[in-house]
Amino acid sequence: MSQQTQIDRVVPKFEAFIRAFPSPKECAQAPLSDLLTIWQGLGYPRRCRNLHEAAKEMVQHHDAHVPADLDQLLALPGIGDYTARAVLAFAEHTEVGVVDTNVTRVLARVMNKPLGKREAQNVADHIVPSGLSWEWNQVMMDFGATCCTARTPKCVECPISQSCMWREKGGDDPAPASAGTSKPQARFEGSNRQARGKLMKALVTSGLSREKAKRVMGLEDQHERADLIIESLLVDRLIIEVDGVLQLAL
């Protein structure tokens, strides 16, 4: 929920979601529309659908529990390297490195070289102190977010500045050329993402015809674009169309 979404918007949604679906079993048994209703306002509804599909997989193949194995986690819908290792580190205290954009930035600067995804992961795994996976990964991510920041790193007050090769050698910042570092998001206002969100929000209340859906999105004069957005939601299995009426997926 919190990826690319402000945490103050996430907390009430997370708490409501956990109250409604406290385990993979409850999540899997609920219709997708119930999940999407709570998720509304967070954006990226495909993540919600993937979570629903992952819960079904857990019920079917893992006795309704979140697996504690890297390969099994990676096999779940919507679960990538970062999420799988975050689950292992923070829920299971497994000694793996959790690599997000902040961690990649720190590692690239300390080593003073652009890092590919695999190399960054290997380095992150290698430096986790024994028995301190939970604490270490929290510190690494927080350090990158608050001290070794993207635009204005606090090098003067940095506690590891003497170990930072970029600080010592200088030159171009290696972080932007590394895999997985943040790139500027496309403008939201007037975007297809915004239009998709408007339609999804409206469908929480009731079904809509295509013509009404276009008006909700503010695209009544852009029929081709509106139809493409509707089709994208149908392809993503976030909505369905029954007898010409668009509805949230069941």
Foldseek 3Di string as FASTA:
>chain_A
DPVVFDVVVVVVLVVVLCVQQVFLVSLQPDFLLVQLQSCAPRFPCLLSVQSNQQSVCCVVPVVRHQDLDLVVQCPRGPRDDQNSVCCNCAVVVDQFFRDAQLLLLVVCQLVVAAAEPVRSRVVRSVPRDPSCSNPVNVCSNVCSVPAVDDPDHPLVPDPCNVSGPCSVVPDDRNSVVHPRHDDDDDDDVPDLSQLLSQLSNVQSVHWDALCVSCVSSVNNVPVVSSVVSVVVCVVSQQWDADPRIIHGHD
